[in-house]
PDB file of all heavy atoms in Angstrom:
ATOM      1  N   VAL A   1       0.801  -1.229   0.000  1.00  0.00           N
ATOM      2  CA  VAL A   1       0.000   0.000   0.000  1.00  0.00           C
ATOM      3  C   VAL A   1       0.831   1.276   0.000  1.00  0.00           C
ATOM      4  O   VAL A   1       0.297   2.364  -0.227  1.00  0.00           O
ATOM      5  CB  VAL A   1      -0.964   0.028   1.204  1.00  0.00           C
ATOM      6  CG1 VAL A   1      -1.878  -1.188   1.183  1.00  0.00           C
ATOM      7  CG2 VAL A   1      -0.218   0.119   2.533  1.00  0.00           C
ATOM      8  N   LEU A   2       2.147   1.189   0.237  1.00  0.00           N
ATOM      9  CA  LEU A   2       2.957   2.395   0.351  1.00  0.00           C
ATOM     10  C   LEU A   2       3.203   3.029  -1.019  1.00  0.00           C
ATOM     11  O   LEU A   2       3.630   2.363  -1.953  1.00  0.00           O
ATOM     12  CB  LEU A   2       4.280   2.079   1.046  1.00  0.00           C
ATOM     13  CG  LEU A   2       5.128   3.287   1.443  1.00  0.00           C
ATOM     14  CD1 LEU A   2       5.817   3.028   2.766  1.00  0.00           C
ATOM     15  CD2 LEU A   2       6.163   3.617   0.379  1.00  0.00           C
ATOM     16  N   ASP A   3       2.939   4.310  -1.112  1.00  0.00           N
ATOM     17  CA  ASP A   3       3.151   5.084  -2.348  1.00  0.00           C
ATOM     18  C   ASP A   3       4.298   6.065  -2.098  1.00  0.00           C
ATOM     19  O   ASP A   3       4.199   6.924  -1.216  1.00  0.00           O
ATOM     20  CB  ASP A   3       1.863   5.837  -2.707  1.00  0.00           C
ATOM     21  CG  ASP A   3       2.004   6.674  -3.965  1.00  0.00           C
ATOM     22  OD1 ASP A   3       2.678   7.722  -3.905  1.00  0.00           O
ATOM     23  OD2 ASP A   3       1.440   6.290  -5.007  1.00  0.00           O
ATOM     24  N   ARG A   4       5.376   5.958  -2.858  1.00  0.00           N
ATOM     25  CA  ARG A   4       6.571   6.764  -2.583  1.00  0.00           C
ATOM     26  C   ARG A   4       6.339   8.258  -2.793  1.00  0.00           C
ATOM     27  O   ARG A   4       6.875   9.076  -2.051  1.00  0.00           O
ATOM     28  CB  ARG A   4       7.757   6.276  -3.432  1.00  0.00           C
ATOM     29  CG  ARG A   4       8.303   4.935  -2.983  1.00  0.00           C
ATOM     30  CD  ARG A   4       9.629   4.592  -3.649  1.00  0.00           C
ATOM     31  NE  ARG A   4      10.142   3.347  -3.113  1.00  0.00           N
ATOM     32  CZ  ARG A   4       9.923   2.155  -3.658  1.00  0.00           C
ATOM     33  NH1 ARG A   4       9.203   2.061  -4.770  1.00  0.00           N
ATOM     34  NH2 ARG A   4      10.405   1.073  -3.093  1.00  0.00           N
ATOM     35  N   ASP A   5       5.572   8.622  -3.804  1.00  0.00           N
ATOM     36  CA  ASP A   5       5.324  10.043  -4.028  1.00  0.00           C
ATOM     37  C   ASP A   5       4.468  10.623  -2.916  1.00  0.00           C
ATOM     38  O   ASP A   5       4.723  11.729  -2.418  1.00  0.00           O
ATOM     39  CB  ASP A   5       4.663  10.264  -5.390  1.00  0.00           C
ATOM     40  CG  ASP A   5       5.597   9.927  -6.544  1.00  0.00           C
ATOM     41  OD1 ASP A   5       6.821  10.149  -6.410  1.00  0.00           O
ATOM     42  OD2 ASP A   5       5.110   9.430  -7.581  1.00  0.00           O
ATOM     43  N   ALA A   6       3.439   9.890  -2.506  1.00  0.00           N
ATOM     44  CA  ALA A   6       2.596  10.349  -1.402  1.00  0.00           C
ATOM     45  C   ALA A   6       3.399  10.419  -0.107  1.00  0.00           C
ATOM     46  O   ALA A   6       3.212  11.337   0.703  1.00  0.00           O
ATOM     47  CB  ALA A   6       1.391   9.423  -1.233  1.00  0.00           C
ATOM     48  N   LEU A   7       4.302   9.471   0.085  1.00  0.00           N
ATOM     49  CA  LEU A   7       5.131   9.477   1.288  1.00  0.00           C
ATOM     50  C   LEU A   7       6.062  10.678   1.294  1.00  0.00           C
ATOM     51  O   LEU A   7       6.244  11.326   2.331  1.00  0.00           O
ATOM     52  CB  LEU A   7       5.933   8.176   1.385  1.00  0.00           C
ATOM     53  CG  LEU A   7       6.883   8.072   2.579  1.00  0.00           C
ATOM     54  CD1 LEU A   7       6.124   8.185   3.900  1.00  0.00           C
ATOM     55  CD2 LEU A   7       7.670   6.763   2.529  1.00  0.00           C
ATOM     56  N   ARG A   8       6.668  10.992   0.165  1.00  0.00           N
ATOM     57  CA  ARG A   8       7.555  12.159   0.101  1.00  0.00           C
ATOM     58  C   ARG A   8       6.791  13.426   0.483  1.00  0.00           C
ATOM     59  O   ARG A   8       7.281  14.257   1.254  1.00  0.00           O
ATOM     60  CB  ARG A   8       8.153  12.287  -1.302  1.00  0.00           C
ATOM     61  CG  ARG A   8       9.187  13.401  -1.405  1.00  0.00           C
ATOM     62  CD  ARG A   8       9.819  13.450  -2.786  1.00  0.00           C
ATOM     63  NE  ARG A   8       8.893  13.828  -3.832  1.00  0.00           N
ATOM     64  CZ  ARG A   8       8.418  13.009  -4.766  1.00  0.00           C
ATOM     65  NH1 ARG A   8       8.791  11.746  -4.809  1.00  0.00           N
ATOM     66  NH2 ARG A   8       7.563  13.441  -5.676  1.00  0.00           N
ATOM     67  N   ASP A   9       5.573  13.569  -0.032  1.00  0.00           N
ATOM     68  CA  ASP A   9       4.753  14.735   0.307  1.00  0.00           C
ATOM     69  C   ASP A   9       4.412  14.743   1.796  1.00  0.00           C
ATOM     70  O   ASP A   9       4.416  15.805   2.445  1.00  0.00           O
ATOM     71  CB  ASP A   9       3.468  14.736  -0.514  1.00  0.00           C
ATOM     72  CG  ASP A   9       3.709  15.009  -1.999  1.00  0.00           C
ATOM     73  OD1 ASP A   9       4.798  15.513  -2.338  1.00  0.00           O
ATOM     74  OD2 ASP A   9       2.806  14.705  -2.804  1.00  0.00           O
ATOM     75  N   ALA A  10       4.123  13.563   2.340  1.00  0.00           N
ATOM     76  CA  ALA A  10       3.766  13.469   3.763  1.00  0.00           C
ATOM     77  C   ALA A  10       4.947  13.825   4.657  1.00  0.00           C
ATOM     78  O   ALA A  10       4.782  14.491   5.692  1.00  0.00           O
ATOM     79  CB  ALA A  10       3.265  12.064   4.076  1.00  0.00           C
ATOM     80  N   ILE A  11       6.143  13.400   4.268  1.00  0.00           N
ATOM     81  CA  ILE A  11       7.334  13.720   5.056  1.00  0.00           C
ATOM     82  C   ILE A  11       7.627  15.217   4.995  1.00  0.00           C
ATOM     83  O   ILE A  11       7.952  15.845   6.016  1.00  0.00           O
ATOM     84  CB  ILE A  11       8.542  12.895   4.571  1.00  0.00           C
ATOM     85  CG1 ILE A  11       8.317  11.416   4.842  1.00  0.00           C
ATOM     86  CG2 ILE A  11       9.827  13.384   5.244  1.00  0.00           C
ATOM     87  CD1 ILE A  11       8.089  11.053   6.296  1.00  0.00           C
ATOM     88  N   ALA A  12       7.500  15.823   3.836  1.00  0.00           N
ATOM     89  CA  ALA A  12       7.696  17.269   3.725  1.00  0.00           C
ATOM     90  C   ALA A  12       6.711  18.007   4.621  1.00  0.00           C
ATOM     91  O   ALA A  12       7.085  18.945   5.350  1.00  0.00           O
ATOM     92  CB  ALA A  12       7.534  17.713   2.267  1.00  0.00           C
ATOM     93  N   ALA A  13       5.445  17.577   4.602  1.00  0.00           N
ATOM     94  CA  ALA A  13       4.416  18.250   5.390  1.00  0.00           C
ATOM     95  C   ALA A  13       4.658  18.097   6.890  1.00  0.00           C
ATOM     96  O   ALA A  13       4.518  19.052   7.656  1.00  0.00           O
ATOM     97  CB  ALA A  13       3.038  17.703   5.014  1.00  0.00           C
ATOM     98  N   VAL A  14       5.028  16.896   7.327  1.00  0.00           N
ATOM     99  CA  VAL A  14       5.213  16.697   8.771  1.00  0.00           C
ATOM    100  C   VAL A  14       6.461  17.419   9.262  1.00  0.00           C
ATOM    101  O   VAL A  14       6.500  17.910  10.401  1.00  0.00           O
ATOM    102  CB  VAL A  14       5.259  15.200   9.133  1.00  0.00           C
ATOM    103  CG1 VAL A  14       6.627  14.559   8.850  1.00  0.00           C
ATOM    104  CG2 VAL A  14       4.905  14.996  10.609  1.00  0.00           C
ATOM    105  N   MET A  15       7.484  17.538   8.417  1.00  0.00           N
ATOM    106  CA  MET A  15       8.674  18.274   8.831  1.00  0.00           C
ATOM    107  C   MET A  15       8.392  19.774   8.956  1.00  0.00           C
ATOM    108  O   MET A  15       8.990  20.454   9.796  1.00  0.00           O
ATOM    109  CB  MET A  15       9.828  18.009   7.872  1.00  0.00           C
ATOM    110  CG  MET A  15      10.322  16.561   7.879  1.00  0.00           C
ATOM    111  SD  MET A  15      10.661  15.910   9.535  1.00  0.00           S
ATOM    112  CE  MET A  15      11.977  16.992  10.063  1.00  0.00           C
ATOM    113  N   ILE A  16       7.485  20.290   8.148  1.00  0.00           N
ATOM    114  CA  ILE A  16       7.048  21.676   8.317  1.00  0.00           C
ATOM    115  C   ILE A  16       6.371  21.839   9.673  1.00  0.00           C
ATOM    116  O   ILE A  16       6.604  22.827  10.393  1.00  0.00           O
ATOM    117  CB  ILE A  16       6.107  22.089   7.167  1.00  0.00           C
ATOM    118  CG1 ILE A  16       6.896  22.163   5.851  1.00  0.00           C
ATOM    119  CG2 ILE A  16       5.428  23.426   7.465  1.00  0.00           C
ATOM    120  CD1 ILE A  16       6.025  22.373   4.622  1.00  0.00           C
ATOM    121  N   GLU A  17       5.559  20.860  10.064  1.00  0.00           N
ATOM    122  CA  GLU A  17       4.915  20.887  11.374  1.00  0.00           C
ATOM    123  C   GLU A  17       5.946  20.843  12.500  1.00  0.00           C
ATOM    124  O   GLU A  17       5.829  21.540  13.505  1.00  0.00           O
ATOM    125  CB  GLU A  17       3.944  19.709  11.505  1.00  0.00           C
ATOM    126  CG  GLU A  17       2.733  19.773  10.601  1.00  0.00           C
ATOM    127  CD  GLU A  17       1.837  20.952  10.928  1.00  0.00           C
ATOM    128  OE1 GLU A  17       1.353  21.026  12.068  1.00  0.00           O
ATOM    129  OE2 GLU A  17       1.644  21.799  10.029  1.00  0.00           O
ATOM    130  N   VAL A  18       6.960  20.023  12.335  1.00  0.00           N
ATOM    131  CA  VAL A  18       8.018  19.916  13.347  1.00  0.00           C
ATOM    132  C   VAL A  18       8.727  21.254  13.522  1.00  0.00           C
ATOM    133  O   VAL A  18       8.916  21.738  14.647  1.00  0.00           O
ATOM    134  CB  VAL A  18       9.033  18.814  12.960  1.00  0.00           C
ATOM    135  CG1 VAL A  18      10.277  18.877  13.837  1.00  0.00           C
ATOM    136  CG2 VAL A  18       8.391  17.429  13.076  1.00  0.00           C
ATOM    137  N   SER A  19       9.136  21.859  12.425  1.00  0.00           N
ATOM    138  CA  SER A  19       9.872  23.122  12.508  1.00  0.00           C
ATOM    139  C   SER A  19       9.008  24.260  13.043  1.00  0.00           C
ATOM    140  O   SER A  19       9.528  25.222  13.611  1.00  0.00           O
ATOM    141  CB  SER A  19      10.440  23.493  11.139  1.00  0.00           C
ATOM    142  OG  SER A  19      11.493  22.616  10.781  1.00  0.00           O
ATOM    143  N   ALA A  20       7.686  24.137  12.880  1.00  0.00           N
ATOM    144  CA  ALA A  20       6.772  25.147  13.406  1.00  0.00           C
ATOM    145  C   ALA A  20       6.478  24.933  14.890  1.00  0.00           C
ATOM    146  O   ALA A  20       5.766  25.738  15.500  1.00  0.00           O
ATOM    147  CB  ALA A  20       5.476  25.146  12.603  1.00  0.00           C
ATOM    148  N   GLY A  21       7.011  23.857  15.468  1.00  0.00           N
ATOM    149  CA  GLY A  21       6.808  23.587  16.888  1.00  0.00           C
ATOM    150  C   GLY A  21       5.452  23.018  17.225  1.00  0.00           C
ATOM    151  O   GLY A  21       5.005  23.105  18.385  1.00  0.00           O
ATOM    152  N   ARG A  22       4.809  22.392  16.256  1.00  0.00           N
ATOM    153  CA  ARG A  22       3.455  21.880  16.474  1.00  0.00           C
ATOM    154  C   ARG A  22       3.404  20.368  16.659  1.00  0.00           C
ATOM    155  O   ARG A  22       2.341  19.759  16.521  1.00  0.00           O
ATOM    156  CB  ARG A  22       2.556  22.300  15.311  1.00  0.00           C
ATOM    157  CG  ARG A  22       2.350  23.809  15.197  1.00  0.00           C
ATOM    158  CD  ARG A  22       1.279  24.146  14.179  1.00  0.00           C
ATOM    159  NE  ARG A  22       1.719  23.931  12.813  1.00  0.00           N
ATOM    160  CZ  ARG A  22       2.170  24.887  12.007  1.00  0.00           C
ATOM    161  NH1 ARG A  22       2.293  26.133  12.457  1.00  0.00           N
ATOM    162  NH2 ARG A  22       2.524  24.616  10.753  1.00  0.00           N
ATOM    163  N   VAL A  23       4.540  19.745  16.981  1.00  0.00           N
ATOM    164  CA  VAL A  23       4.613  18.294  17.159  1.00  0.00           C
ATOM    165  C   VAL A  23       5.196  17.976  18.530  1.00  0.00           C
ATOM    166  O   VAL A  23       6.168  18.605  18.952  1.00  0.00           O
ATOM    167  CB  VAL A  23       5.480  17.645  16.062  1.00  0.00           C
ATOM    168  CG1 VAL A  23       5.672  16.157  16.310  1.00  0.00           C
ATOM    169  CG2 VAL A  23       4.853  17.875  14.686  1.00  0.00           C
ATOM    170  N   SER A  24       4.598  17.016  19.223  1.00  0.00           N
ATOM    171  CA  SER A  24       5.177  16.516  20.471  1.00  0.00           C
ATOM    172  C   SER A  24       6.211  15.460  20.098  1.00  0.00           C
ATOM    173  O   SER A  24       5.861  14.403  19.572  1.00  0.00           O
ATOM    174  CB  SER A  24       4.096  15.903  21.365  1.00  0.00           C
ATOM    175  OG  SER A  24       4.674  15.341  22.536  1.00  0.00           O
ATOM    176  N   LEU A  25       7.491  15.782  20.361  1.00  0.00           N
ATOM    177  CA  LEU A  25       8.581  14.963  19.831  1.00  0.00           C
ATOM    178  C   LEU A  25       9.673  14.777  20.887  1.00  0.00           C
ATOM    179  O   LEU A  25      10.691  15.475  20.867  1.00  0.00           O
ATOM    180  CB  LEU A  25       9.150  15.629  18.583  1.00  0.00           C
ATOM    181  CG  LEU A  25      10.180  14.870  17.764  1.00  0.00           C
ATOM    182  CD1 LEU A  25       9.563  13.619  17.145  1.00  0.00           C
ATOM    183  CD2 LEU A  25      10.756  15.774  16.662  1.00  0.00           C
ATOM    184  N   PRO A  26       9.474  13.843  21.826  1.00  0.00           N
ATOM    185  CA  PRO A  26      10.535  13.596  22.808  1.00  0.00           C
ATOM    186  C   PRO A  26      11.767  12.996  22.151  1.00  0.00           C
ATOM    187  O   PRO A  26      11.699  12.424  21.064  1.00  0.00           O
ATOM    188  CB  PRO A  26       9.906  12.589  23.784  1.00  0.00           C
ATOM    189  CG  PRO A  26       8.531  12.325  23.312  1.00  0.00           C
ATOM    190  CD  PRO A  26       8.319  12.977  21.995  1.00  0.00           C
ATOM    191  N   SER A  27      12.893  13.131  22.817  1.00  0.00           N
ATOM    192  CA  SER A  27      14.132  12.545  22.298  1.00  0.00           C
ATOM    193  C   SER A  27      14.061  11.029  22.320  1.00  0.00           C
ATOM    194  O   SER A  27      13.405  10.422  23.178  1.00  0.00           O
ATOM    195  CB  SER A  27      15.331  13.000  23.131  1.00  0.00           C
ATOM    196  OG  SER A  27      15.527  14.386  23.015  1.00  0.00           O
ATOM    197  N   ARG A  28      14.738  10.412  21.377  1.00  0.00           N
ATOM    198  CA  ARG A  28      14.859   8.960  21.339  1.00  0.00           C
ATOM    199  C   ARG A  28      15.543   8.474  22.618  1.00  0.00           C
ATOM    200  O   ARG A  28      16.501   9.081  23.102  1.00  0.00           O
ATOM    201  CB  ARG A  28      15.676   8.571  20.110  1.00  0.00           C
ATOM    202  CG  ARG A  28      16.020   7.124  19.975  1.00  0.00           C
ATOM    203  CD  ARG A  28      16.570   6.809  18.598  1.00  0.00           C
ATOM    204  NE  ARG A  28      17.423   7.845  18.053  1.00  0.00           N
ATOM    205  CZ  ARG A  28      17.418   8.252  16.776  1.00  0.00           C
ATOM    206  NH1 ARG A  28      16.611   7.693  15.917  1.00  0.00           N
ATOM    207  NH2 ARG A  28      18.223   9.203  16.360  1.00  0.00           N
ATOM    208  N   VAL A  29      15.042   7.375  23.174  1.00  0.00           N
ATOM    209  CA  VAL A  29      15.687   6.751  24.334  1.00  0.00           C
ATOM    210  C   VAL A  29      16.100   5.344  23.947  1.00  0.00           C
ATOM    211  O   VAL A  29      15.462   4.709  23.101  1.00  0.00           O
ATOM    212  CB  VAL A  29      14.767   6.721  25.574  1.00  0.00           C
ATOM    213  CG1 VAL A  29      14.455   8.141  26.032  1.00  0.00           C
ATOM    214  CG2 VAL A  29      13.477   5.959  25.281  1.00  0.00           C
ATOM    215  N   ALA A  30      17.176   4.861  24.553  1.00  0.00           N
ATOM    216  CA  ALA A  30      17.688   3.555  24.142  1.00  0.00           C
ATOM    217  C   ALA A  30      18.303   2.815  25.318  1.00  0.00           C
ATOM    218  O   ALA A  30      18.897   3.419  26.214  1.00  0.00           O
ATOM    219  CB  ALA A  30      18.724   3.722  23.039  1.00  0.00           C
ATOM    220  N   ALA A  31      18.132   1.502  25.290  1.00  0.00           N
ATOM    221  CA  ALA A  31      18.836   0.609  26.205  1.00  0.00           C
ATOM    222  C   ALA A  31      19.894  -0.130  25.404  1.00  0.00           C
ATOM    223  O   ALA A  31      19.618  -0.609  24.300  1.00  0.00           O
ATOM    224  CB  ALA A  31      17.858  -0.389  26.834  1.00  0.00           C
ATOM    225  N   GLU A  32      21.116  -0.217  25.952  1.00  0.00           N
ATOM    226  CA  GLU A  32      22.231  -0.798  25.202  1.00  0.00           C
ATOM    227  C   GLU A  32      22.873  -1.947  25.963  1.00  0.00           C
ATOM    228  O   GLU A  32      22.851  -1.981  27.196  1.00  0.00           O
ATOM    229  CB  GLU A  32      23.308   0.265  24.938  1.00  0.00           C
ATOM    230  CG  GLU A  32      22.865   1.417  24.082  1.00  0.00           C
ATOM    231  CD  GLU A  32      24.002   2.386  23.803  1.00  0.00           C
ATOM    232  OE1 GLU A  32      25.150   2.084  24.228  1.00  0.00           O
ATOM    233  OE2 GLU A  32      23.771   3.423  23.173  1.00  0.00           O
ATOM    234  N   ARG A  33      23.430  -2.886  25.221  1.00  0.00           N
ATOM    235  CA  ARG A  33      24.344  -3.876  25.786  1.00  0.00           C
ATOM    236  C   ARG A  33      25.664  -3.712  25.058  1.00  0.00           C
ATOM    237  O   ARG A  33      25.705  -3.314  23.895  1.00  0.00           O
ATOM    238  CB  ARG A  33      23.807  -5.296  25.659  1.00  0.00           C
ATOM    239  CG  ARG A  33      23.657  -5.822  24.245  1.00  0.00           C
ATOM    240  CD  ARG A  33      23.359  -7.323  24.228  1.00  0.00           C
ATOM    241  NE  ARG A  33      24.497  -8.098  24.696  1.00  0.00           N
ATOM    242  CZ  ARG A  33      24.440  -9.403  24.941  1.00  0.00           C
ATOM    243  NH1 ARG A  33      23.299 -10.060  24.801  1.00  0.00           N
ATOM    244  NH2 ARG A  33      25.513 -10.053  25.347  1.00  0.00           N
ATOM    245  N   SER A  34      26.748  -4.028  25.755  1.00  0.00           N
ATOM    246  CA  SER A  34      28.067  -3.713  25.193  1.00  0.00           C
ATOM    247  C   SER A  34      28.663  -4.848  24.368  1.00  0.00           C
ATOM    248  O   SER A  34      29.242  -4.614  23.309  1.00  0.00           O
ATOM    249  CB  SER A  34      29.041  -3.310  26.308  1.00  0.00           C
ATOM    250  OG  SER A  34      29.104  -4.308  27.303  1.00  0.00           O
ATOM    251  N   GLU A  35      28.585  -6.092  24.835  1.00  0.00           N
ATOM    252  CA  GLU A  35      29.239  -7.200  24.151  1.00  0.00           C
ATOM    253  C   GLU A  35      28.296  -8.382  23.978  1.00  0.00           C
ATOM    254  O   GLU A  35      27.924  -9.015  24.961  1.00  0.00           O
ATOM    255  CB  GLU A  35      30.474  -7.660  24.933  1.00  0.00           C
ATOM    256  CG  GLU A  35      31.668  -6.734  24.812  1.00  0.00           C
ATOM    257  CD  GLU A  35      32.212  -6.647  23.400  1.00  0.00           C
ATOM    258  OE1 GLU A  35      32.074  -7.639  22.659  1.00  0.00           O
ATOM    259  OE2 GLU A  35      32.747  -5.606  23.024  1.00  0.00           O
ATOM    260  N   PRO A  36      27.922  -8.696  22.723  1.00  0.00           N
ATOM    261  CA  PRO A  36      28.112  -7.869  21.536  1.00  0.00           C
ATOM    262  C   PRO A  36      27.209  -6.651  21.600  1.00  0.00           C
ATOM    263  O   PRO A  36      26.182  -6.675  22.279  1.00  0.00           O
ATOM    264  CB  PRO A  36      27.715  -8.794  20.389  1.00  0.00           C
ATOM    265  CG  PRO A  36      26.698  -9.703  21.001  1.00  0.00           C
ATOM    266  CD  PRO A  36      27.166  -9.937  22.415  1.00  0.00           C
ATOM    267  N   PHE A  37      27.600  -5.604  20.909  1.00  0.00           N
ATOM    268  CA  PHE A  37      26.831  -4.372  20.966  1.00  0.00           C
ATOM    269  C   PHE A  37      25.429  -4.582  20.421  1.00  0.00           C
ATOM    270  O   PHE A  37      25.224  -5.205  19.390  1.00  0.00           O
ATOM    271  CB  PHE A  37      27.520  -3.261  20.168  1.00  0.00           C
ATOM    272  CG  PHE A  37      26.700  -1.989  20.100  1.00  0.00           C
ATOM    273  CD1 PHE A  37      26.693  -1.118  21.162  1.00  0.00           C
ATOM    274  CD2 PHE A  37      25.932  -1.703  18.979  1.00  0.00           C
ATOM    275  CE1 PHE A  37      25.930   0.045  21.122  1.00  0.00           C
ATOM    276  CE2 PHE A  37      25.171  -0.546  18.927  1.00  0.00           C
ATOM    277  CZ  PHE A  37      25.170   0.329  19.994  1.00  0.00           C
ATOM    278  N   GLY A  38      24.455  -4.039  21.138  1.00  0.00           N
ATOM    279  CA  GLY A  38      23.070  -4.060  20.675  1.00  0.00           C
ATOM    280  C   GLY A  38      22.303  -2.943  21.349  1.00  0.00           C
ATOM    281  O   GLY A  38      22.629  -2.539  22.467  1.00  0.00           O
ATOM    282  N   VAL A  39      21.294  -2.438  20.676  1.00  0.00           N
ATOM    283  CA  VAL A  39      20.509  -1.341  21.229  1.00  0.00           C
ATOM    284  C   VAL A  39      19.037  -1.530  20.895  1.00  0.00           C
ATOM    285  O   VAL A  39      18.681  -1.958  19.789  1.00  0.00           O
ATOM    286  CB  VAL A  39      21.013   0.031  20.701  1.00  0.00           C
ATOM    287  CG1 VAL A  39      20.940   0.085  19.179  1.00  0.00           C
ATOM    288  CG2 VAL A  39      20.240   1.177  21.311  1.00  0.00           C
ATOM    289  N   MET A  40      18.184  -1.268  21.882  1.00  0.00           N
ATOM    290  CA  MET A  40      16.741  -1.202  21.666  1.00  0.00           C
ATOM    291  C   MET A  40      16.316   0.232  21.968  1.00  0.00           C
ATOM    292  O   MET A  40      16.508   0.727  23.076  1.00  0.00           O
ATOM    293  CB  MET A  40      15.986  -2.176  22.568  1.00  0.00           C
ATOM    294  CG  MET A  40      14.460  -1.991  22.509  1.00  0.00           C
ATOM    295  SD  MET A  40      13.550  -3.143  23.578  1.00  0.00           S
ATOM    296  CE  MET A  40      13.444  -4.558  22.470  1.00  0.00           C
ATOM    297  N   ALA A  41      15.762   0.904  20.965  1.00  0.00           N
ATOM    298  CA  ALA A  41      15.393   2.309  21.107  1.00  0.00           C
ATOM    299  C   ALA A  41      13.891   2.488  20.940  1.00  0.00           C
ATOM    300  O   ALA A  41      13.238   1.756  20.180  1.00  0.00           O
ATOM    301  CB  ALA A  41      16.129   3.162  20.072  1.00  0.00           C
ATOM    302  N   ALA A  42      13.353   3.478  21.647  1.00  0.00           N
ATOM    303  CA  ALA A  42      11.935   3.822  21.546  1.00  0.00           C
ATOM    304  C   ALA A  42      11.809   5.246  21.026  1.00  0.00           C
ATOM    305  O   ALA A  42      12.518   6.149  21.489  1.00  0.00           O
ATOM    306  CB  ALA A  42      11.252   3.699  22.899  1.00  0.00           C
ATOM    307  N   MET A  43      10.897   5.438  20.063  1.00  0.00           N
ATOM    308  CA  MET A  43      10.744   6.739  19.403  1.00  0.00           C
ATOM    309  C   MET A  43       9.253   7.088  19.314  1.00  0.00           C
ATOM    310  O   MET A  43       8.577   6.717  18.348  1.00  0.00           O
ATOM    311  CB  MET A  43      11.375   6.693  18.010  1.00  0.00           C
ATOM    312  CG  MET A  43      12.852   6.356  18.012  1.00  0.00           C
ATOM    313  SD  MET A  43      13.521   6.022  16.356  1.00  0.00           S
ATOM    314  CE  MET A  43      13.229   7.585  15.521  1.00  0.00           C
ATOM    315  N   PRO A  44       8.710   7.829  20.293  1.00  0.00           N
ATOM    316  CA  PRO A  44       7.304   8.233  20.252  1.00  0.00           C
ATOM    317  C   PRO A  44       7.120   9.641  19.694  1.00  0.00           C
ATOM    318  O   PRO A  44       8.034  10.473  19.760  1.00  0.00           O
ATOM    319  CB  PRO A  44       6.906   8.193  21.732  1.00  0.00           C
ATOM    320  CG  PRO A  44       8.173   8.593  22.442  1.00  0.00           C
ATOM    321  CD  PRO A  44       9.331   8.101  21.595  1.00  0.00           C
ATOM    322  N   ALA A  45       5.950   9.922  19.157  1.00  0.00           N
ATOM    323  CA  ALA A  45       5.625  11.273  18.702  1.00  0.00           C
ATOM    324  C   ALA A  45       4.112  11.397  18.532  1.00  0.00           C
ATOM    325  O   ALA A  45       3.408  10.409  18.299  1.00  0.00           O
ATOM    326  CB  ALA A  45       6.323  11.610  17.387  1.00  0.00           C
ATOM    327  N   TYR A  46       3.652  12.639  18.645  1.00  0.00           N
ATOM    328  CA  TYR A  46       2.241  12.971  18.405  1.00  0.00           C
ATOM    329  C   TYR A  46       2.198  14.137  17.433  1.00  0.00           C
ATOM    330  O   TYR A  46       2.822  15.170  17.658  1.00  0.00           O
ATOM    331  CB  TYR A  46       1.548  13.331  19.718  1.00  0.00           C
ATOM    332  CG  TYR A  46       0.193  13.998  19.560  1.00  0.00           C
ATOM    333  CD1 TYR A  46      -0.771  13.474  18.698  1.00  0.00           C
ATOM    334  CD2 TYR A  46      -0.114  15.157  20.274  1.00  0.00           C
ATOM    335  CE1 TYR A  46      -2.017  14.087  18.559  1.00  0.00           C
ATOM    336  CE2 TYR A  46      -1.355  15.777  20.142  1.00  0.00           C
ATOM    337  CZ  TYR A  46      -2.299  15.238  19.282  1.00  0.00           C
ATOM    338  OH  TYR A  46      -3.523  15.843  19.132  1.00  0.00           O
TER     339      TYR A  46
END
């Protein structure tokens, strides 16, 4: 179902919202292990 042209337009539009300060966008958080290296990260937004 993914349409690349529609997605490009959607990304442009949402980035305008981000720069305008209209998005709730906490920083990415991650849990890491060292050996072997691995990370699980959570990325929420509204």
